[in-house]
Each structure stands twice: as structure tokens, then as C-alpha cells.
């Protein structure tokens, strides 16, 4: 099997390492924090981001990016989007032009509004054309780490690359489907987090199932408009990376973005909420990028816009819901 490097030891990166080690693949896992790397190597457990799950002895854990990346045929990046560019910049000089990259991060970079795959391609471009696929779909890291069944999408416009990665990374309990629409898959993975915050707000306010279902459904319509404007495909929206991931994140109790919305709806400030969370809720920063991208393209995304006002401009959650309900009546 091709040697695999996983960059980032949050819950998702750790779960991916455990999953791939189960099929006897050589796996190296890069941990940013040196103290956490030492603790994980000693206890074989990520007590910070994925407690209660044993990491197989065959997973090599290291704080050295060079040691983890050198010689890897496949590199999976699972670092939070705010740190993605910085880590990728350090990583790219350590790998060869034949390396296959899999981006497992769901976000849109603030300011540049680039997707994660675009960041990789941009950084690699002076030296080589990077082979980049995207891994996305409805998954919670604890369930994947325990070996519970999961279905995801591996997306790339390169036919050979996505078929190769599907064969390499699929396991009996980790099923990958291929998709050529990398743009759509990536945008779905990012923007659904904003809609999940909105669904959490509705639940936090005690508005009932009707309101949450309406927000998720209309949120999917907003996601679709953005995906199509960026060149993605409509059929991606009804698949695992679109509807599947949206439903999981909006309704699943393990969703960090849903939790942010719940706490907002219950009256807490965003600063208080994020300060209490060790793991990053990607939707908080991605909401800003999503609204900016929609404005650049002239796309109407009222739910995303209201979540931006709640997160960044102090709009009360109840007022955001009222504003959405009182918008001009229209055809669906």
C-alpha cells in the first residue's frame, strides 16, 4: 500500500489515521502541538480531540512535518482552514511532484475566498502542478474512529486520480464514492456549516422542528445558488457532500456548528462560545467568506447574511429569524 501522511491531529485527522491503520496501511500522523504529540505517542490516545479511542501502534505519531511528509505517496490535509495556508506552505517543499493530495478540510479562506484545493494548487504552482482531490461527506470523527459505517465522496476533475484514491482509501467500513465536481463538493462542505449554525439558533430559541426544517431546506437552496454560480453541478447538492452532510451537521448532536447556533439561540455571545471550545467550529469564519463570495457573485443568500450579522455585527438571533420570516413573499 502507498505510504500515507495525515497532516493535522484534530478529531478528524486522528480518526482518518485510525481508519487507515486498520487495513494495515503505513500511516504517519503529524501533530502540531509537541506536548500533545508526545502524549499521544505515549498513551496511544488523543485525549484532547478524540478521547476514548485507541490509536493503533502502527500509526507513527510525530511533531516533525518533515518526518511525516517525506516519502509519502498520499498526503491528507486535515488542519483547520484558518491555518491551512501556513501549514501547506511548510509542507509543499517536503513532497515530490508525484504526491497525491487529499484535502479533508471544510472551509473557505477569509479575504482570498479561495477553497482549500485552490490554496494547495496556488502554493505548488511555481514548482509543479499539484494533484488535488477533496474528501467530504456526512461524518462525525468519533463514529468513524470506532469503525462505524460511513459513506463519503472523493472528488477531483482528474478521472485517474479520484479512481485511484477511491481504491486506495476505501475500507470495509469507510466507503468512498467518486465525484468529478470538486468545486461543488468543496463548497457544500464549507457552506453547510453556516446553515447548521442557523438550524442550531432555531433550536436554541425553542422555535420547533418546523422552523429548523425550513431553515435547512432554504439553506440548501442558498448553497445550490452559490455552487452553480461557481461552476459546480446541481446533482452534487442531492448527494453525500450536499444534502447528506447538511442534514448531519444541522441535526447531529455531535456537530460543533450546530452547538454554536444552539448557544447563540440561548443567549450566549459568540466570544464566550468559541472560548469554551477547544476544537474549531469552521462555520464561524466560513460564514464571513461565504457572504463575501456571494456578494462578489451577486448571489442572494439571506440565511448566511443573517448569520453573519449575528456572528459579527451583534444582531440578536431572534431578530435574525424575524427578519428572515418577514422578507418579501416569493415563489419557491
C-alpha atoms as a PDB file:
ATOM      1  CA  UNK A   1       0.000   0.000   0.000  1.00  0.00           C
ATOM      2  CA  UNK A   2       1.079   3.567  -0.673  1.00  0.00           C
ATOM      3  CA  UNK A   3       2.613   5.271   2.398  1.00  0.00           C
ATOM      4  CA  UNK A   4       0.133   7.771   3.824  1.00  0.00           C
ATOM      5  CA  UNK A   5       0.768  11.020   5.689  1.00  0.00           C
ATOM      6  CA  UNK A   6      -2.026  12.762   7.562  1.00  0.00           C
ATOM      7  CA  UNK A   7      -1.387  16.396   8.388  1.00  0.00           C
ATOM      8  CA  UNK A   8      -3.387  17.536  11.391  1.00  0.00           C
ATOM      9  CA  UNK A   9      -4.343  15.580  14.517  1.00  0.00           C
ATOM     10  CA  UNK A  10      -7.677  17.092  15.412  1.00  0.00           C
ATOM     11  CA  UNK A  11     -10.550  14.684  15.785  1.00  0.00           C
ATOM     12  CA  UNK A  12     -10.940  14.185  12.039  1.00  0.00           C
ATOM     13  CA  UNK A  13      -7.255  13.708  11.242  1.00  0.00           C
ATOM     14  CA  UNK A  14      -6.887  11.251  14.112  1.00  0.00           C
ATOM     15  CA  UNK A  15      -9.978   9.326  13.037  1.00  0.00           C
ATOM     16  CA  UNK A  16      -8.648   9.058   9.475  1.00  0.00           C
ATOM     17  CA  UNK A  17      -5.326   7.735  10.773  1.00  0.00           C
ATOM     18  CA  UNK A  18      -7.079   5.091  12.854  1.00  0.00           C
ATOM     19  CA  UNK A  19      -9.307   4.065   9.942  1.00  0.00           C
ATOM     20  CA  UNK A  20      -6.423   3.650   7.512  1.00  0.00           C
ATOM     21  CA  UNK A  21      -4.245   1.819  10.046  1.00  0.00           C
ATOM     22  CA  UNK A  22      -6.955  -0.809  10.456  1.00  0.00           C
ATOM     23  CA  UNK A  23      -6.236  -2.095   6.942  1.00  0.00           C
ATOM     24  CA  UNK A  24      -2.507  -2.391   7.680  1.00  0.00           C
ATOM     25  CA  UNK A  25      -1.526   0.721   5.746  1.00  0.00           C
ATOM     26  CA  UNK A  26       1.644   2.546   6.811  1.00  0.00           C
ATOM     27  CA  UNK A  27       0.332   5.768   8.378  1.00  0.00           C
ATOM     28  CA  UNK A  28       2.212   8.779   9.737  1.00  0.00           C
ATOM     29  CA  UNK A  29       0.281  11.439  11.665  1.00  0.00           C
ATOM     30  CA  UNK A  30       1.555  14.998  12.129  1.00  0.00           C
ATOM     31  CA  UNK A  31       0.590  16.698  15.381  1.00  0.00           C
ATOM     32  CA  UNK A  32       1.109  20.452  15.588  1.00  0.00           C
ATOM     33  CA  UNK A  33       1.449  20.651  19.378  1.00  0.00           C
ATOM     34  CA  UNK A  34       4.664  18.986  20.577  1.00  0.00           C
ATOM     35  CA  UNK A  35       3.248  18.172  24.022  1.00  0.00           C
ATOM     36  CA  UNK A  36       0.157  16.566  22.500  1.00  0.00           C
ATOM     37  CA  UNK A  37       2.308  14.572  20.078  1.00  0.00           C
ATOM     38  CA  UNK A  38       4.371  13.197  22.968  1.00  0.00           C
ATOM     39  CA  UNK A  39       1.261  12.359  24.986  1.00  0.00           C
ATOM     40  CA  UNK A  40      -0.408  10.637  22.037  1.00  0.00           C
ATOM     41  CA  UNK A  41       2.699   8.582  21.284  1.00  0.00           C
ATOM     42  CA  UNK A  42       2.877   7.531  24.929  1.00  0.00           C
ATOM     43  CA  UNK A  43      -0.791   6.782  25.658  1.00  0.00           C
ATOM     44  CA  UNK A  44      -1.955   5.939  22.100  1.00  0.00           C
ATOM     45  CA  UNK A  45      -4.939   8.237  22.635  1.00  0.00           C
ATOM     46  CA  UNK A  46      -5.820  11.773  21.551  1.00  0.00           C
ATOM     47  CA  UNK A  47      -7.315  12.870  24.855  1.00  0.00           C
ATOM     48  CA  UNK A  48      -7.831  16.442  23.617  1.00  0.00           C
ATOM     49  CA  UNK A  49      -9.686  15.973  20.327  1.00  0.00           C
ATOM     50  CA  UNK A  50     -10.761  12.308  20.230  1.00  0.00           C
ATOM     51  CA  UNK A  51     -10.825  10.877  23.757  1.00  0.00           C
ATOM     52  CA  UNK A  52     -11.670   7.278  24.466  1.00  0.00           C
ATOM     53  CA  UNK A  53     -10.409   5.792  21.192  1.00  0.00           C
ATOM     54  CA  UNK A  54      -7.143   3.860  20.968  1.00  0.00           C
ATOM     55  CA  UNK A  55      -4.708   4.722  18.179  1.00  0.00           C
ATOM     56  CA  UNK A  56      -3.099   1.584  16.669  1.00  0.00           C
ATOM     57  CA  UNK A  57       0.588   1.108  17.349  1.00  0.00           C
ATOM     58  CA  UNK A  58       1.187   1.112  13.595  1.00  0.00           C
ATOM     59  CA  UNK A  59       0.345   4.833  13.395  1.00  0.00           C
ATOM     60  CA  UNK A  60       3.594   6.787  13.621  1.00  0.00           C
ATOM     61  CA  UNK A  61       2.930   9.995  15.566  1.00  0.00           C
ATOM     62  CA  UNK A  62       5.283  12.939  15.157  1.00  0.00           C
ATOM     63  CA  UNK A  63       5.611  16.680  15.672  1.00  0.00           C
ATOM     64  CA  UNK A  64       8.043  16.845  12.732  1.00  0.00           C
ATOM     65  CA  UNK A  65       6.358  17.803   9.484  1.00  0.00           C
ATOM     66  CA  UNK A  66       9.442  16.688   7.565  1.00  0.00           C
ATOM     67  CA  UNK A  67       9.454  13.221   9.107  1.00  0.00           C
ATOM     68  CA  UNK A  68       5.769  12.720   8.420  1.00  0.00           C
ATOM     69  CA  UNK A  69       5.647  14.083   4.862  1.00  0.00           C
ATOM     70  CA  UNK A  70       8.903  12.828   3.347  1.00  0.00           C
ATOM     71  CA  UNK A  71       8.313   9.848   1.069  1.00  0.00           C
ATOM     72  CA  UNK A  72       4.538   9.831   1.445  1.00  0.00           C
ATOM     73  CA  UNK A  73       2.677   8.869  -1.731  1.00  0.00           C
ATOM     74  CA  UNK A  74      -0.606  10.281  -0.444  1.00  0.00           C
ATOM     75  CA  UNK A  75      -0.912  13.312   1.844  1.00  0.00           C
ATOM     76  CA  UNK A  76      -4.219  14.098   3.560  1.00  0.00           C
ATOM     77  CA  UNK A  77      -4.542  17.614   4.957  1.00  0.00           C
ATOM     78  CA  UNK A  78      -6.940  17.852   7.883  1.00  0.00           C
ATOM     79  CA  UNK A  79      -5.912  21.130   9.507  1.00  0.00           C
ATOM     80  CA  UNK A  80      -8.435  23.888  10.317  1.00  0.00           C
ATOM     81  CA  UNK A  81      -8.983  26.304   7.439  1.00  0.00           C
ATOM     82  CA  UNK A  82      -7.512  29.375   9.236  1.00  0.00           C
ATOM     83  CA  UNK A  83      -4.148  27.557   9.412  1.00  0.00           C
ATOM     84  CA  UNK A  84      -4.365  25.721   6.099  1.00  0.00           C
ATOM     85  CA  UNK A  85      -2.232  28.078   4.000  1.00  0.00           C
ATOM     86  CA  UNK A  86       0.539  28.335   6.577  1.00  0.00           C
ATOM     87  CA  UNK A  87       0.802  24.564   7.007  1.00  0.00           C
ATOM     88  CA  UNK A  88       0.577  23.906   3.261  1.00  0.00           C
ATOM     89  CA  UNK A  89       3.373  26.420   2.652  1.00  0.00           C
ATOM     90  CA  UNK A  90       5.636  24.473   5.008  1.00  0.00           C
ATOM     91  CA  UNK A  91       4.510  21.127   3.601  1.00  0.00           C
ATOM     92  CA  UNK A  92       4.869  21.552  -0.155  1.00  0.00           C
ATOM     93  CA  UNK A  93       8.695  21.748  -0.286  1.00  0.00           C
ATOM     94  CA  UNK A  94       8.871  18.402   1.552  1.00  0.00           C
ATOM     95  CA  UNK A  95       6.982  16.312  -1.020  1.00  0.00           C
ATOM     96  CA  UNK A  96       7.502  15.282  -4.644  1.00  0.00           C
ATOM     97  CA  UNK A  97       5.513  16.322  -7.701  1.00  0.00           C
ATOM     98  CA  UNK A  98       4.046  12.812  -7.838  1.00  0.00           C
ATOM     99  CA  UNK A  99       2.389  13.126  -4.422  1.00  0.00           C
ATOM    100  CA  UNK A 100      -1.397  12.854  -4.390  1.00  0.00           C
ATOM    101  CA  UNK A 101      -3.045  15.390  -2.077  1.00  0.00           C
ATOM    102  CA  UNK A 102      -6.393  14.900  -0.380  1.00  0.00           C
ATOM    103  CA  UNK A 103      -7.939  17.960   1.246  1.00  0.00           C
ATOM    104  CA  UNK A 104     -10.145  16.934   4.171  1.00  0.00           C
ATOM    105  CA  UNK A 105     -10.730  20.474   5.477  1.00  0.00           C
ATOM    106  CA  UNK A 106     -14.112  22.155   5.063  1.00  0.00           C
ATOM    107  CA  UNK A 107     -13.837  25.903   4.713  1.00  0.00           C
ATOM    108  CA  UNK A 108     -13.307  28.963   2.534  1.00  0.00           C
ATOM    109  CA  UNK A 109     -10.274  31.120   3.247  1.00  0.00           C
ATOM    110  CA  UNK A 110     -11.055  34.560   4.610  1.00  0.00           C
ATOM    111  CA  UNK A 111     -10.010  37.515   2.428  1.00  0.00           C
ATOM    112  CA  UNK A 112      -8.901  35.493  -0.635  1.00  0.00           C
ATOM    113  CA  UNK A 113     -12.187  33.496  -0.728  1.00  0.00           C
ATOM    114  CA  UNK A 114     -10.242  30.501  -2.033  1.00  0.00           C
ATOM    115  CA  UNK A 115     -11.267  26.920  -1.468  1.00  0.00           C
ATOM    116  CA  UNK A 116      -8.699  24.651   0.176  1.00  0.00           C
ATOM    117  CA  UNK A 117      -7.847  22.833  -3.067  1.00  0.00           C
ATOM    118  CA  UNK A 118      -7.177  26.175  -4.738  1.00  0.00           C
ATOM    119  CA  UNK A 119      -4.771  27.116  -1.941  1.00  0.00           C
ATOM    120  CA  UNK A 120      -2.805  23.909  -2.475  1.00  0.00           C
ATOM    121  CA  UNK A 121      -2.637  24.409  -6.230  1.00  0.00           C
ATOM    122  CA  UNK A 122      -1.579  28.029  -5.811  1.00  0.00           C
ATOM    123  CA  UNK A 123       1.275  27.227  -3.425  1.00  0.00           C
ATOM    124  CA  UNK A 124       2.534  24.294  -5.502  1.00  0.00           C
ATOM    125  CA  UNK A 125       2.275  26.086  -8.865  1.00  0.00           C
ATOM    126  CA  UNK A 126       5.808  27.554  -9.019  1.00  0.00           C
ATOM    127  CA  UNK A 127       7.282  24.054  -8.665  1.00  0.00           C
ATOM    128  CA  UNK A 128       4.694  21.618 -10.055  1.00  0.00           C
ATOM    129  CA  UNK A 129       1.009  21.068 -10.810  1.00  0.00           C
ATOM    130  CA  UNK A 130      -0.437  19.520  -7.663  1.00  0.00           C
ATOM    131  CA  UNK A 131      -2.722  16.504  -7.891  1.00  0.00           C
ATOM    132  CA  UNK A 132      -5.516  17.508  -5.512  1.00  0.00           C
ATOM    133  CA  UNK A 133      -8.701  15.698  -4.538  1.00  0.00           C
ATOM    134  CA  UNK A 134     -11.240  16.592  -1.863  1.00  0.00           C
ATOM    135  CA  UNK A 135     -12.659  14.258   0.787  1.00  0.00           C
ATOM    136  CA  UNK A 136     -16.081  15.219   2.119  1.00  0.00           C
ATOM    137  CA  UNK A 137     -19.386  13.819   3.284  1.00  0.00           C
ATOM    138  CA  UNK A 138     -21.594  13.205   6.320  1.00  0.00           C
ATOM    139  CA  UNK A 139     -19.182  12.046   9.016  1.00  0.00           C
ATOM    140  CA  UNK A 140     -18.507  12.596  12.694  1.00  0.00           C
ATOM    141  CA  UNK A 141     -14.956  11.721  13.708  1.00  0.00           C
ATOM    142  CA  UNK A 142     -15.822   9.624  16.809  1.00  0.00           C
ATOM    143  CA  UNK A 143     -18.092   7.325  14.801  1.00  0.00           C
ATOM    144  CA  UNK A 144     -15.502   6.870  12.049  1.00  0.00           C
ATOM    145  CA  UNK A 145     -12.785   6.160  14.613  1.00  0.00           C
ATOM    146  CA  UNK A 146     -14.919   3.441  16.188  1.00  0.00           C
ATOM    147  CA  UNK A 147     -15.330   1.736  12.836  1.00  0.00           C
ATOM    148  CA  UNK A 148     -18.994   2.555  12.410  1.00  0.00           C
ATOM    149  CA  UNK A 149     -20.117   2.568   8.739  1.00  0.00           C
ATOM    150  CA  UNK A 150     -19.617   5.790   6.791  1.00  0.00           C
ATOM    151  CA  UNK A 151     -20.004   6.850   3.166  1.00  0.00           C
ATOM    152  CA  UNK A 152     -18.084   9.797   1.731  1.00  0.00           C
ATOM    153  CA  UNK A 153     -17.086  11.399  -1.569  1.00  0.00           C
ATOM    154  CA  UNK A 154     -13.622  11.686  -3.085  1.00  0.00           C
ATOM    155  CA  UNK A 155     -13.819  14.482  -5.653  1.00  0.00           C
ATOM    156  CA  UNK A 156     -11.433  15.560  -8.386  1.00  0.00           C
ATOM    157  CA  UNK A 157     -11.737  16.590 -12.043  1.00  0.00           C
ATOM    158  CA  UNK A 158      -8.897  14.118 -12.708  1.00  0.00           C
ATOM    159  CA  UNK A 159     -10.569  10.782 -13.506  1.00  0.00           C
ATOM    160  CA  UNK A 160      -7.497   8.663 -12.807  1.00  0.00           C
ATOM    161  CA  UNK A 161      -6.719  10.418  -9.528  1.00  0.00           C
ATOM    162  CA  UNK A 162     -10.137  10.061  -7.956  1.00  0.00           C
ATOM    163  CA  UNK A 163     -10.481   6.403  -9.015  1.00  0.00           C
ATOM    164  CA  UNK A 164      -7.019   5.649  -7.642  1.00  0.00           C
ATOM    165  CA  UNK A 165      -7.752   7.345  -4.323  1.00  0.00           C
ATOM    166  CA  UNK A 166     -11.121   5.630  -4.065  1.00  0.00           C
ATOM    167  CA  UNK A 167      -9.375   2.260  -4.354  1.00  0.00           C
ATOM    168  CA  UNK A 168      -6.535   3.229  -2.022  1.00  0.00           C
ATOM    169  CA  UNK A 169      -8.558   4.797   0.806  1.00  0.00           C
ATOM    170  CA  UNK A 170     -11.802   2.813   0.887  1.00  0.00           C
ATOM    171  CA  UNK A 171     -12.096   0.227   3.661  1.00  0.00           C
ATOM    172  CA  UNK A 172     -14.867  -2.249   4.564  1.00  0.00           C
ATOM    173  CA  UNK A 173     -16.461   0.372   6.871  1.00  0.00           C
ATOM    174  CA  UNK A 174     -15.328   3.536   5.077  1.00  0.00           C
ATOM    175  CA  UNK A 175     -16.951   3.641   1.643  1.00  0.00           C
ATOM    176  CA  UNK A 176     -15.884   6.248  -0.903  1.00  0.00           C
ATOM    177  CA  UNK A 177     -17.857   7.353  -3.953  1.00  0.00           C
ATOM    178  CA  UNK A 178     -16.148   9.314  -6.726  1.00  0.00           C
ATOM    179  CA  UNK A 179     -17.312  12.691  -7.999  1.00  0.00           C
ATOM    180  CA  UNK A 180     -15.766  14.910 -10.672  1.00  0.00           C
ATOM    181  CA  UNK A 181     -17.339  18.080  -9.215  1.00  0.00           C
ATOM    182  CA  UNK A 182     -14.598  19.173  -6.820  1.00  0.00           C
ATOM    183  CA  UNK A 183     -15.933  22.738  -6.740  1.00  0.00           C
ATOM    184  CA  UNK A 184     -19.430  21.709  -5.706  1.00  0.00           C
ATOM    185  CA  UNK A 185     -18.266  19.154  -3.169  1.00  0.00           C
ATOM    186  CA  UNK A 186     -15.881  21.621  -1.555  1.00  0.00           C
ATOM    187  CA  UNK A 187     -18.386  24.466  -1.368  1.00  0.00           C
ATOM    188  CA  UNK A 188     -21.044  22.189   0.096  1.00  0.00           C
ATOM    189  CA  UNK A 189     -18.672  21.061   2.828  1.00  0.00           C
ATOM    190  CA  UNK A 190     -17.896  24.650   3.745  1.00  0.00           C
ATOM    191  CA  UNK A 191     -21.246  26.415   3.481  1.00  0.00           C
ATOM    192  CA  UNK A 192     -23.365  23.748   5.162  1.00  0.00           C
ATOM    193  CA  UNK A 193     -21.652  24.751   8.422  1.00  0.00           C
ATOM    194  CA  UNK A 194     -23.243  28.199   8.226  1.00  0.00           C
ATOM    195  CA  UNK A 195     -26.684  26.685   7.659  1.00  0.00           C
ATOM    196  CA  UNK A 196     -26.100  24.328  10.591  1.00  0.00           C
ATOM    197  CA  UNK A 197     -25.430  27.330  12.824  1.00  0.00           C
ATOM    198  CA  UNK A 198     -28.779  28.763  11.711  1.00  0.00           C
ATOM    199  CA  UNK A 199     -30.567  25.485  12.470  1.00  0.00           C
ATOM    200  CA  UNK A 200     -28.957  25.450  15.893  1.00  0.00           C
ATOM    201  CA  UNK A 201     -30.118  29.018  16.513  1.00  0.00           C
ATOM    202  CA  UNK A 202     -33.704  27.994  15.755  1.00  0.00           C
ATOM    203  CA  UNK A 203     -33.486  25.106  18.215  1.00  0.00           C
ATOM    204  CA  UNK A 204     -31.785  27.280  20.821  1.00  0.00           C
ATOM    205  CA  UNK A 205     -34.648  29.752  20.569  1.00  0.00           C
ATOM    206  CA  UNK A 206     -37.136  26.917  21.019  1.00  0.00           C
ATOM    207  CA  UNK A 207     -38.806  27.551  17.679  1.00  0.00           C
ATOM    208  CA  UNK A 208     -39.624  23.911  16.981  1.00  0.00           C
ATOM    209  CA  UNK A 209     -38.985  21.424  14.209  1.00  0.00           C
ATOM    210  CA  UNK A 210     -40.907  23.361  11.556  1.00  0.00           C
ATOM    211  CA  UNK A 211     -38.537  26.322  11.741  1.00  0.00           C
ATOM    212  CA  UNK A 212     -35.415  24.149  11.701  1.00  0.00           C
ATOM    213  CA  UNK A 213     -36.665  22.193   8.684  1.00  0.00           C
ATOM    214  CA  UNK A 214     -37.471  25.419   6.843  1.00  0.00           C
ATOM    215  CA  UNK A 215     -34.014  26.850   7.530  1.00  0.00           C
ATOM    216  CA  UNK A 216     -32.252  23.696   6.360  1.00  0.00           C
ATOM    217  CA  UNK A 217     -34.360  23.446   3.197  1.00  0.00           C
ATOM    218  CA  UNK A 218     -33.970  27.095   2.267  1.00  0.00           C
ATOM    219  CA  UNK A 219     -30.331  26.852   3.253  1.00  0.00           C
ATOM    220  CA  UNK A 220     -29.872  24.094   0.712  1.00  0.00           C
ATOM    221  CA  UNK A 221     -31.381  26.420  -1.903  1.00  0.00           C
ATOM    222  CA  UNK A 222     -28.813  29.083  -0.970  1.00  0.00           C
ATOM    223  CA  UNK A 223     -25.975  26.571  -1.180  1.00  0.00           C
ATOM    224  CA  UNK A 224     -27.208  25.476  -4.588  1.00  0.00           C
ATOM    225  CA  UNK A 225     -27.232  29.021  -5.961  1.00  0.00           C
ATOM    226  CA  UNK A 226     -23.648  29.560  -4.819  1.00  0.00           C
ATOM    227  CA  UNK A 227     -22.405  26.213  -6.132  1.00  0.00           C
ATOM    228  CA  UNK A 228     -23.942  26.790  -9.565  1.00  0.00           C
ATOM    229  CA  UNK A 229     -22.542  30.327  -9.759  1.00  0.00           C
ATOM    230  CA  UNK A 230     -19.071  28.949  -9.051  1.00  0.00           C
ATOM    231  CA  UNK A 231     -19.320  26.276 -11.734  1.00  0.00           C
ATOM    232  CA  UNK A 232     -20.435  23.327  -9.629  1.00  0.00           C
ATOM    233  CA  UNK A 233     -23.206  20.901 -10.553  1.00  0.00           C
ATOM    234  CA  UNK A 234     -26.778  20.772  -9.286  1.00  0.00           C
ATOM    235  CA  UNK A 235     -26.727  16.989  -8.822  1.00  0.00           C
ATOM    236  CA  UNK A 236     -23.926  17.316  -6.280  1.00  0.00           C
ATOM    237  CA  UNK A 237     -26.400  19.045  -3.977  1.00  0.00           C
ATOM    238  CA  UNK A 238     -28.550  15.929  -3.566  1.00  0.00           C
ATOM    239  CA  UNK A 239     -25.594  13.687  -2.793  1.00  0.00           C
ATOM    240  CA  UNK A 240     -23.493  12.821   0.237  1.00  0.00           C
ATOM    241  CA  UNK A 241     -21.456  16.027   0.134  1.00  0.00           C
ATOM    242  CA  UNK A 242     -24.527  18.217  -0.256  1.00  0.00           C
ATOM    243  CA  UNK A 243     -27.787  17.146   1.383  1.00  0.00           C
ATOM    244  CA  UNK A 244     -26.135  14.320   3.324  1.00  0.00           C
ATOM    245  CA  UNK A 245     -23.546  16.466   5.057  1.00  0.00           C
ATOM    246  CA  UNK A 246     -26.004  19.313   5.606  1.00  0.00           C
ATOM    247  CA  UNK A 247     -28.540  17.089   7.378  1.00  0.00           C
ATOM    248  CA  UNK A 248     -25.895  15.525   9.619  1.00  0.00           C
ATOM    249  CA  UNK A 249     -24.347  18.848  10.602  1.00  0.00           C
ATOM    250  CA  UNK A 250     -27.646  20.640  11.131  1.00  0.00           C
ATOM    251  CA  UNK A 251     -29.277  17.922  13.242  1.00  0.00           C
ATOM    252  CA  UNK A 252     -26.470  15.786  14.698  1.00  0.00           C
ATOM    253  CA  UNK A 253     -25.757  16.308  18.390  1.00  0.00           C
ATOM    254  CA  UNK A 254     -22.005  15.979  17.813  1.00  0.00           C
ATOM    255  CA  UNK A 255     -21.973  18.929  15.400  1.00  0.00           C
ATOM    256  CA  UNK A 256     -19.797  21.804  16.646  1.00  0.00           C
ATOM    257  CA  UNK A 257     -21.513  24.257  14.291  1.00  0.00           C
ATOM    258  CA  UNK A 258     -24.963  23.246  15.500  1.00  0.00           C
ATOM    259  CA  UNK A 259     -23.696  23.691  19.054  1.00  0.00           C
ATOM    260  CA  UNK A 260     -22.584  27.247  18.264  1.00  0.00           C
ATOM    261  CA  UNK A 261     -26.064  28.028  16.968  1.00  0.00           C
ATOM    262  CA  UNK A 262     -27.765  26.442  19.978  1.00  0.00           C
ATOM    263  CA  UNK A 263     -25.728  28.543  22.387  1.00  0.00           C
ATOM    264  CA  UNK A 264     -26.344  31.695  20.373  1.00  0.00           C
ATOM    265  CA  UNK A 265     -30.061  30.993  20.480  1.00  0.00           C
ATOM    266  CA  UNK A 266     -29.850  30.530  24.256  1.00  0.00           C
ATOM    267  CA  UNK A 267     -28.385  33.999  24.644  1.00  0.00           C
ATOM    268  CA  UNK A 268     -24.629  33.455  24.826  1.00  0.00           C
ATOM    269  CA  UNK A 269     -22.184  35.684  22.960  1.00  0.00           C
ATOM    270  CA  UNK A 270     -20.052  34.199  20.202  1.00  0.00           C
ATOM    271  CA  UNK A 271     -16.826  35.088  22.033  1.00  0.00           C
ATOM    272  CA  UNK A 272     -17.981  33.144  25.079  1.00  0.00           C
ATOM    273  CA  UNK A 273     -18.989  30.156  22.974  1.00  0.00           C
ATOM    274  CA  UNK A 274     -15.789  29.860  20.965  1.00  0.00           C
ATOM    275  CA  UNK A 275     -13.630  30.385  24.062  1.00  0.00           C
ATOM    276  CA  UNK A 276     -15.204  27.279  25.601  1.00  0.00           C
ATOM    277  CA  UNK A 277     -14.462  25.092  22.542  1.00  0.00           C
ATOM    278  CA  UNK A 278     -11.054  23.506  22.010  1.00  0.00           C
ATOM    279  CA  UNK A 279     -11.919  22.304  18.509  1.00  0.00           C
ATOM    280  CA  UNK A 280     -12.747  24.897  15.854  1.00  0.00           C
ATOM    281  CA  UNK A 281     -16.286  25.318  14.534  1.00  0.00           C
ATOM    282  CA  UNK A 282     -15.416  26.048  10.906  1.00  0.00           C
ATOM    283  CA  UNK A 283     -18.736  27.751  10.195  1.00  0.00           C
ATOM    284  CA  UNK A 284     -17.902  30.823  12.261  1.00  0.00           C
ATOM    285  CA  UNK A 285     -15.119  32.038   9.970  1.00  0.00           C
ATOM    286  CA  UNK A 286     -16.576  30.450   6.841  1.00  0.00           C
ATOM    287  CA  UNK A 287     -19.767  32.489   7.245  1.00  0.00           C
ATOM    288  CA  UNK A 288     -17.771  35.648   6.601  1.00  0.00           C
ATOM    289  CA  UNK A 289     -16.159  34.175   3.482  1.00  0.00           C
ATOM    290  CA  UNK A 290     -19.468  32.808   2.226  1.00  0.00           C
ATOM    291  CA  UNK A 291     -21.221  36.165   2.433  1.00  0.00           C
ATOM    292  CA  UNK A 292     -18.307  37.935   0.755  1.00  0.00           C
ATOM    293  CA  UNK A 293     -18.225  35.354  -2.053  1.00  0.00           C
ATOM    294  CA  UNK A 294     -21.991  35.603  -2.558  1.00  0.00           C
ATOM    295  CA  UNK A 295     -21.774  39.396  -2.752  1.00  0.00           C
ATOM    296  CA  UNK A 296     -18.932  39.204  -5.271  1.00  0.00           C
ATOM    297  CA  UNK A 297     -21.043  36.918  -7.467  1.00  0.00           C
ATOM    298  CA  UNK A 298     -24.342  38.733  -6.914  1.00  0.00           C
ATOM    299  CA  UNK A 299     -25.930  35.687  -5.252  1.00  0.00           C
ATOM    300  CA  UNK A 300     -28.794  36.064  -2.775  1.00  0.00           C
ATOM    301  CA  UNK A 301     -28.073  34.178   0.484  1.00  0.00           C
ATOM    302  CA  UNK A 302     -30.314  35.694   3.175  1.00  0.00           C
ATOM    303  CA  UNK A 303     -29.753  32.982   5.802  1.00  0.00           C
ATOM    304  CA  UNK A 304     -25.979  33.252   5.502  1.00  0.00           C
ATOM    305  CA  UNK A 305     -26.225  37.037   5.623  1.00  0.00           C
ATOM    306  CA  UNK A 306     -28.284  36.978   8.810  1.00  0.00           C
ATOM    307  CA  UNK A 307     -25.870  34.527  10.451  1.00  0.00           C
ATOM    308  CA  UNK A 308     -23.058  36.919   9.529  1.00  0.00           C
ATOM    309  CA  UNK A 309     -24.910  39.760  11.242  1.00  0.00           C
ATOM    310  CA  UNK A 310     -25.442  37.611  14.335  1.00  0.00           C
ATOM    311  CA  UNK A 311     -21.815  36.469  14.476  1.00  0.00           C
ATOM    312  CA  UNK A 312     -20.086  39.724  13.553  1.00  0.00           C
ATOM    313  CA  UNK A 313     -22.473  42.645  13.946  1.00  0.00           C
ATOM    314  CA  UNK A 314     -24.307  41.851  17.170  1.00  0.00           C
ATOM    315  CA  UNK A 315     -27.733  41.154  15.670  1.00  0.00           C
ATOM    316  CA  UNK A 316     -29.906  39.290  18.170  1.00  0.00           C
ATOM    317  CA  UNK A 317     -30.749  35.744  16.974  1.00  0.00           C
ATOM    318  CA  UNK A 318     -34.483  36.340  17.464  1.00  0.00           C
ATOM    319  CA  UNK A 319     -34.279  39.429  15.261  1.00  0.00           C
ATOM    320  CA  UNK A 320     -32.442  37.440  12.585  1.00  0.00           C
ATOM    321  CA  UNK A 321     -35.252  34.873  12.458  1.00  0.00           C
ATOM    322  CA  UNK A 322     -37.876  37.616  12.376  1.00  0.00           C
ATOM    323  CA  UNK A 323     -36.081  39.354   9.505  1.00  0.00           C
ATOM    324  CA  UNK A 324     -35.999  36.097   7.534  1.00  0.00           C
ATOM    325  CA  UNK A 325     -39.701  35.406   8.115  1.00  0.00           C
ATOM    326  CA  UNK A 326     -40.719  38.919   7.123  1.00  0.00           C
ATOM    327  CA  UNK A 327     -38.859  39.015   3.823  1.00  0.00           C
ATOM    328  CA  UNK A 328     -40.881  39.782   0.692  1.00  0.00           C
ATOM    329  CA  UNK A 329     -43.117  36.871  -0.259  1.00  0.00           C
ATOM    330  CA  UNK A 330     -41.974  34.977  -3.358  1.00  0.00           C
ATOM    331  CA  UNK A 331     -42.262  31.759  -5.316  1.00  0.00           C
ATOM    332  CA  UNK A 332     -40.137  28.874  -4.090  1.00  0.00           C
END
